[in-house]
Amino acid sequence: MTATDVTRYLALVDRRMFPIEHSGMSWRPEYGPELNNIDQELVKLRKEIDAEHIRRKEIAH
């Protein structure tokens, strides 16, 4: 996992929080598909994060 991947993950989480924090007050229909796209990208990056954790555990042992 690269620094770019980490930055991308954090940016996606940050972007995902905006519609959630504002749901009900200023919800827009386009937030639904956007959240789905963000979730799909986060799933992909989560796999890389998990693989990195496994790699680091193997190195430590």
Protein backbone atom coordinates (compact mmCIF):
# COMPACT_ATOMS: atom_id res chain seq x y z
CA MET A 1 0.00 0.00 0.00
CA THR A 2 1.41 3.34 -1.02
CA ALA A 3 1.08 6.77 0.52
CA THR A 4 -1.17 7.67 -2.41
CA ASP A 5 -3.50 4.79 -1.49
CA VAL A 6 -3.66 5.98 2.12
CA THR A 7 -4.36 9.54 1.02
CA ARG A 8 -7.08 8.32 -1.36
CA TYR A 9 -8.68 6.22 1.38
CA LEU A 10 -8.74 9.15 3.81
CA ALA A 11 -10.15 11.50 1.16
CA LEU A 12 -12.92 9.02 0.36
CA VAL A 13 -13.83 8.62 4.02
CA ASP A 14 -13.86 12.39 4.44
CA ARG A 15 -16.08 12.86 1.36
CA ARG A 16 -18.40 10.07 2.54
CA MET A 17 -18.94 11.83 5.86
CA PHE A 18 -20.36 15.03 4.32
CA PRO A 19 -23.66 13.64 3.00
CA ILE A 20 -24.07 11.48 6.09
CA GLU A 21 -23.60 14.44 8.41
CA HIS A 22 -26.06 16.52 6.38
CA SER A 23 -28.66 13.90 5.59
CA GLY A 24 -32.11 15.19 6.30
CA MET A 25 -31.10 18.85 6.21
CA SER A 26 -29.70 19.23 2.71
CA TRP A 27 -29.85 15.75 1.17
CA ARG A 28 -29.50 15.69 -2.58
CA PRO A 29 -30.53 12.76 -4.78
CA GLU A 30 -27.05 12.54 -6.30
CA TYR A 31 -25.60 11.64 -2.88
CA GLY A 32 -27.01 8.11 -3.14
CA PRO A 33 -25.03 7.05 -6.24
CA GLU A 34 -21.99 8.97 -5.01
CA LEU A 35 -22.04 7.10 -1.70
CA ASN A 36 -22.33 3.80 -3.56
CA ASN A 37 -19.30 4.67 -5.70
CA ILE A 38 -17.31 5.72 -2.65
CA ASP A 39 -18.26 2.50 -0.84
CA GLN A 40 -17.07 0.41 -3.80
CA GLU A 41 -13.72 2.20 -3.85
CA LEU A 42 -13.36 1.82 -0.08
CA VAL A 43 -13.96 -1.93 -0.37
CA LYS A 44 -11.13 -2.19 -2.90
CA LEU A 45 -8.78 -0.14 -0.75
CA ARG A 46 -9.82 -2.07 2.39
CA LYS A 47 -8.53 -5.24 0.73
CA GLU A 48 -5.18 -3.56 0.19
CA ILE A 49 -5.12 -2.36 3.80
CA ASP A 50 -5.86 -5.86 5.08
CA ALA A 51 -3.14 -7.31 2.86
CA GLU A 52 -0.68 -4.74 4.21
CA HIS A 53 -1.54 -5.66 7.80
CA ILE A 54 -0.96 -9.34 7.03
CA ARG A 55 2.35 -8.52 5.32
CA ARG A 56 3.53 -6.50 8.32
CA LYS A 57 2.56 -9.26 10.76
CA GLU A 58 4.53 -11.79 8.70
CA ILE A 59 7.58 -9.53 8.70
CA ALA A 60 7.33 -9.04 12.47
CA HIS A 61 7.34 -12.77 13.14
